[in-house]
Amino acid sequence: MDDNPATEATEPSVFDFDQVDFVTSDHHFGHARIIELAERPFASLDEMHGELIAAWNRLVGPEDVVLHLGDLALGNREESIGVTAALNGRKLLVPGNHDTISSVYRCTEAHKQQTRDLLDQWGWEVLPENLIGTRSGLHILASHYPYRGDSQSEERHAEARPADEGLPLLHGHTHHRNNGAHGHMFHVGVDGNDFAPVPMTVIDEWLDRLGGDCLTTGRV
């Protein structure tokens, strides 16, 4: 694991996707406005927290590995990251633009280190911002960002997005309600997946549907 993540957002890191049981993103713990912005069906922040944790723990067991693709917690990080202690499993985090440890988030190094310490305290392992690796021998990528698309009308954070070389990409960021696959990208954010993590068996079925041509290119 990389203890000093996100200093070079576009530098890929070899990753073993075979170890992952679930993938997800964009919980926005501690962010009350996301209920309005993403039109989430919750009456309060406490209700959102409770439903997100319940949806996670219904699927994820204590020994399962969850890959979280960013925008985990906002607001008072000590409180919002602390909420995640209730989540089952081994938790891996790829930072997103709202995570203070991200390369695109502007704050002091002391603030970033404080967030790293909190993540470590509550059981998170921080990974680089772009992951390239294999799943059952097939090359895939994971990032907070899609190759194309945004939650706003303007596409942001071009410097942090992975380059589209045809590899399948797991991503969050958009908050789109459309579920799952669109071309060779797969949206794993909670807003498009019933507020729950996506089992990697679903990703495996998508990779099978894509076929082998685009899965054997790229480098690791």
Protein backbone atom coordinates (compact mmCIF):
# COMPACT_ATOMS: atom_id res chain seq x y z
CA MET A 1 0.00 0.00 0.00
CA ASP A 2 1.11 3.58 -0.67
CA ASP A 3 1.40 5.62 2.54
CA ASN A 4 1.93 8.85 0.62
CA PRO A 5 -0.82 8.75 -2.00
CA ALA A 6 -1.89 11.09 -4.76
CA THR A 7 1.30 13.07 -5.28
CA GLU A 8 1.19 12.07 -8.96
CA ALA A 9 -2.45 11.56 -9.87
CA THR A 10 -1.89 10.13 -13.33
CA GLU A 11 0.88 7.67 -12.46
CA PRO A 12 -0.69 4.20 -12.47
CA SER A 13 0.00 1.61 -9.83
CA VAL A 14 -0.18 -2.14 -10.38
CA PHE A 15 -3.06 -3.55 -8.35
CA ASP A 16 -4.51 -7.01 -7.73
CA PHE A 17 -8.25 -6.67 -8.37
CA ASP A 18 -8.69 -10.38 -7.61
CA GLN A 19 -8.53 -9.54 -3.89
CA VAL A 20 -11.58 -7.24 -4.11
CA ASP A 21 -15.10 -8.44 -3.26
CA PHE A 22 -17.02 -5.16 -3.67
CA VAL A 23 -16.47 -1.76 -5.30
CA THR A 24 -18.28 1.52 -4.58
CA SER A 25 -17.89 5.31 -4.37
CA ASP A 26 -19.36 8.71 -3.51
CA HIS A 27 -20.89 8.13 -0.10
CA HIS A 28 -20.27 11.75 0.96
CA PHE A 29 -20.53 10.98 4.67
CA GLY A 30 -20.94 14.25 6.58
CA HIS A 31 -22.20 16.18 3.54
CA ALA A 32 -25.78 17.29 4.21
CA ARG A 33 -26.14 19.17 0.90
CA ILE A 34 -25.54 16.04 -1.15
CA ILE A 35 -29.09 14.97 -0.23
CA GLU A 36 -30.39 17.93 -2.25
CA LEU A 37 -27.67 18.03 -4.89
CA ALA A 38 -27.95 14.34 -5.77
CA GLU A 39 -31.67 14.11 -4.95
CA ARG A 40 -31.13 11.39 -2.39
CA PRO A 41 -34.32 10.11 -0.68
CA PHE A 42 -33.26 10.96 2.86
CA ALA A 43 -34.79 13.48 5.26
CA SER A 44 -31.60 14.16 7.23
CA LEU A 45 -27.88 13.51 7.39
CA ASP A 46 -28.38 11.01 10.20
CA GLU A 47 -30.91 9.10 8.10
CA MET A 48 -28.52 9.08 5.14
CA HIS A 49 -25.69 7.77 7.30
CA GLY A 50 -27.87 5.04 8.74
CA GLU A 51 -29.16 3.89 5.35
CA LEU A 52 -25.72 3.93 3.72
CA ILE A 53 -24.17 1.93 6.55
CA ALA A 54 -27.07 -0.56 6.56
CA ALA A 55 -26.89 -1.02 2.77
CA TRP A 56 -23.13 -1.65 3.02
CA ASN A 57 -23.32 -4.09 5.93
CA ARG A 58 -26.18 -6.10 4.42
CA LEU A 59 -23.76 -7.17 1.69
CA VAL A 60 -20.26 -6.86 3.12
CA GLY A 61 -18.97 -9.31 5.70
CA PRO A 62 -16.12 -8.77 8.17
CA GLU A 63 -13.61 -10.56 5.93
CA ASP A 64 -14.67 -8.98 2.62
CA VAL A 65 -12.52 -6.41 0.80
CA VAL A 66 -14.18 -3.22 -0.45
CA LEU A 67 -12.56 -0.86 -2.95
CA HIS A 68 -13.95 2.66 -2.49
CA LEU A 69 -13.36 5.00 -5.42
CA GLY A 70 -13.46 8.30 -3.61
CA ASP A 71 -15.54 11.12 -2.14
CA LEU A 72 -15.84 9.19 1.08
CA ALA A 73 -16.35 11.93 3.67
CA LEU A 74 -16.75 15.71 3.79
CA GLY A 75 -17.37 18.40 6.40
CA ASN A 76 -15.77 17.80 9.79
CA ARG A 77 -13.48 14.93 8.81
CA GLU A 78 -12.99 13.72 12.36
CA GLU A 79 -16.75 13.15 12.62
CA SER A 80 -17.50 12.08 9.05
CA ILE A 81 -14.61 9.63 8.74
CA GLY A 82 -15.44 8.37 12.23
CA VAL A 83 -18.88 7.35 10.95
CA THR A 84 -17.20 4.84 8.63
CA ALA A 85 -15.92 2.80 11.57
CA ALA A 86 -19.32 1.07 11.47
CA LEU A 87 -18.68 -0.31 7.97
CA ASN A 88 -17.78 -3.99 7.67
CA GLY A 89 -14.76 -5.39 5.90
CA ARG A 90 -11.28 -4.38 4.86
CA LYS A 91 -11.60 -0.91 3.34
CA LEU A 92 -9.41 0.43 0.52
CA LEU A 93 -9.72 4.07 -0.60
CA VAL A 94 -8.84 5.62 -3.95
CA PRO A 95 -9.12 9.38 -3.24
CA GLY A 96 -11.66 11.53 -5.07
CA ASN A 97 -11.78 15.28 -5.56
CA HIS A 98 -13.63 15.87 -2.28
CA ASP A 99 -11.17 13.82 -0.22
CA THR A 100 -8.65 16.20 1.32
CA ILE A 101 -5.76 13.84 0.53
CA SER A 102 -6.52 14.08 -3.19
CA SER A 103 -4.03 15.75 -5.51
CA VAL A 104 -6.74 18.18 -6.69
CA TYR A 105 -7.86 19.21 -3.19
CA ARG A 106 -6.18 22.44 -2.12
CA CYS A 107 -5.21 22.44 1.54
CA THR A 108 -2.07 22.37 3.63
CA GLU A 109 0.10 19.27 3.94
CA ALA A 110 -0.67 19.31 7.66
CA HIS A 111 -4.38 19.06 6.86
CA LYS A 112 -3.76 16.21 4.42
CA GLN A 113 -1.70 14.37 7.03
CA GLN A 114 -4.45 14.82 9.59
CA THR A 115 -6.88 13.19 7.17
CA ARG A 116 -4.46 10.32 6.48
CA ASP A 117 -4.16 9.76 10.23
CA LEU A 118 -7.94 9.70 10.63
CA LEU A 119 -8.35 7.27 7.74
CA ASP A 120 -5.73 5.00 9.26
CA GLN A 121 -7.40 5.26 12.66
CA TRP A 122 -10.76 4.14 11.26
CA GLY A 123 -9.43 1.26 9.22
CA TRP A 124 -8.84 2.69 5.73
CA GLU A 125 -5.90 1.80 3.50
CA VAL A 126 -5.17 4.62 1.04
CA LEU A 127 -4.25 3.74 -2.55
CA PRO A 128 -3.01 5.89 -5.45
CA GLU A 129 -5.58 7.82 -7.45
CA ASN A 130 -5.37 5.67 -10.58
CA LEU A 131 -5.14 1.90 -10.34
CA ILE A 132 -4.23 -0.41 -13.19
CA GLY A 133 -4.11 -4.13 -12.66
CA THR A 134 -5.79 -7.40 -13.46
CA ARG A 135 -8.98 -9.23 -12.63
CA SER A 136 -8.83 -12.92 -13.57
CA GLY A 137 -5.90 -12.07 -15.81
CA LEU A 138 -7.71 -9.22 -17.62
CA HIS A 139 -6.35 -5.69 -17.51
CA ILE A 140 -8.67 -3.08 -15.97
CA LEU A 141 -8.46 0.40 -14.43
CA ALA A 142 -10.11 2.05 -11.43
CA SER A 143 -10.31 5.75 -10.63
CA HIS A 144 -12.70 8.18 -8.98
CA TYR A 145 -13.09 9.83 -12.39
CA PRO A 146 -14.59 8.48 -15.62
CA TYR A 147 -12.78 8.98 -18.90
CA ARG A 148 -15.57 11.39 -19.79
CA GLY A 149 -18.47 12.88 -17.84
CA ASP A 150 -19.02 14.87 -14.67
CA SER A 151 -21.67 15.71 -12.11
CA GLN A 152 -21.65 19.26 -13.53
CA SER A 153 -22.01 20.64 -17.05
CA GLU A 154 -18.26 21.26 -17.28
CA GLU A 155 -15.82 18.37 -17.08
CA ARG A 156 -13.40 19.05 -14.23
CA HIS A 157 -10.08 17.68 -13.00
CA ALA A 158 -8.65 16.69 -16.36
CA GLU A 159 -5.21 16.41 -14.78
CA ALA A 160 -6.42 13.65 -12.46
CA ARG A 161 -8.40 11.55 -14.92
CA PRO A 162 -6.98 8.35 -16.39
CA ALA A 163 -6.11 8.31 -20.09
CA ASP A 164 -8.55 6.36 -22.22
CA GLU A 165 -6.53 3.67 -23.97
CA GLY A 166 -9.46 1.32 -24.33
CA LEU A 167 -9.23 -0.50 -21.01
CA PRO A 168 -12.37 -1.13 -18.95
CA LEU A 169 -12.66 1.48 -16.20
CA LEU A 170 -14.44 1.36 -12.84
CA HIS A 171 -15.34 4.89 -11.67
CA GLY A 172 -17.57 7.13 -9.56
CA HIS A 173 -17.79 10.96 -9.51
CA THR A 174 -20.81 11.57 -11.75
CA HIS A 175 -23.61 10.75 -9.25
CA HIS A 176 -25.59 9.53 -12.26
CA ARG A 177 -28.66 7.45 -11.55
CA ASN A 178 -27.98 5.22 -14.54
CA ASN A 179 -26.88 1.87 -13.24
CA GLY A 180 -23.55 0.35 -14.06
CA ALA A 181 -22.06 -0.08 -17.49
CA HIS A 182 -21.81 2.51 -20.25
CA GLY A 183 -19.46 1.31 -22.95
CA HIS A 184 -16.12 0.36 -21.45
CA MET A 185 -16.79 2.38 -18.27
CA PHE A 186 -18.74 1.16 -15.25
CA HIS A 187 -20.27 3.62 -12.76
CA VAL A 188 -20.03 2.17 -9.24
CA GLY A 189 -21.26 5.23 -7.30
CA VAL A 190 -23.96 4.68 -4.70
CA ASP A 191 -26.44 6.99 -6.46
CA GLY A 192 -26.65 4.57 -9.39
CA ASN A 193 -26.53 1.36 -7.37
CA ASP A 194 -29.26 1.47 -4.72
CA PHE A 195 -26.81 3.15 -2.29
CA ALA A 196 -24.94 -0.12 -1.89
CA PRO A 197 -21.55 -1.50 -2.92
CA VAL A 198 -21.39 -3.38 -6.23
CA PRO A 199 -20.31 -7.03 -5.96
CA MET A 200 -17.29 -7.81 -8.10
CA THR A 201 -19.24 -10.74 -9.53
CA VAL A 202 -21.35 -8.09 -11.32
CA ILE A 203 -18.14 -6.54 -12.65
CA ASP A 204 -17.00 -9.98 -13.82
CA GLU A 205 -20.22 -10.43 -15.80
CA TRP A 206 -19.69 -7.01 -17.41
CA LEU A 207 -16.11 -7.88 -18.35
CA ASP A 208 -17.32 -11.11 -19.92
CA ARG A 209 -19.87 -9.17 -21.98
CA LEU A 210 -17.23 -6.74 -23.20
CA GLY A 211 -15.26 -9.58 -24.73
CA GLY A 212 -11.55 -10.16 -24.91
CA ASP A 213 -10.35 -7.65 -27.51
CA CYS A 214 -10.15 -4.60 -25.25
CA LEU A 215 -9.15 -6.57 -22.17
CA THR A 216 -5.77 -7.85 -23.25
CA THR A 217 -4.27 -4.49 -24.24
CA GLY A 218 -2.56 -1.97 -21.99
CA ARG A 219 0.35 -2.44 -19.63
CA VAL A 220 0.85 -3.38 -16.02
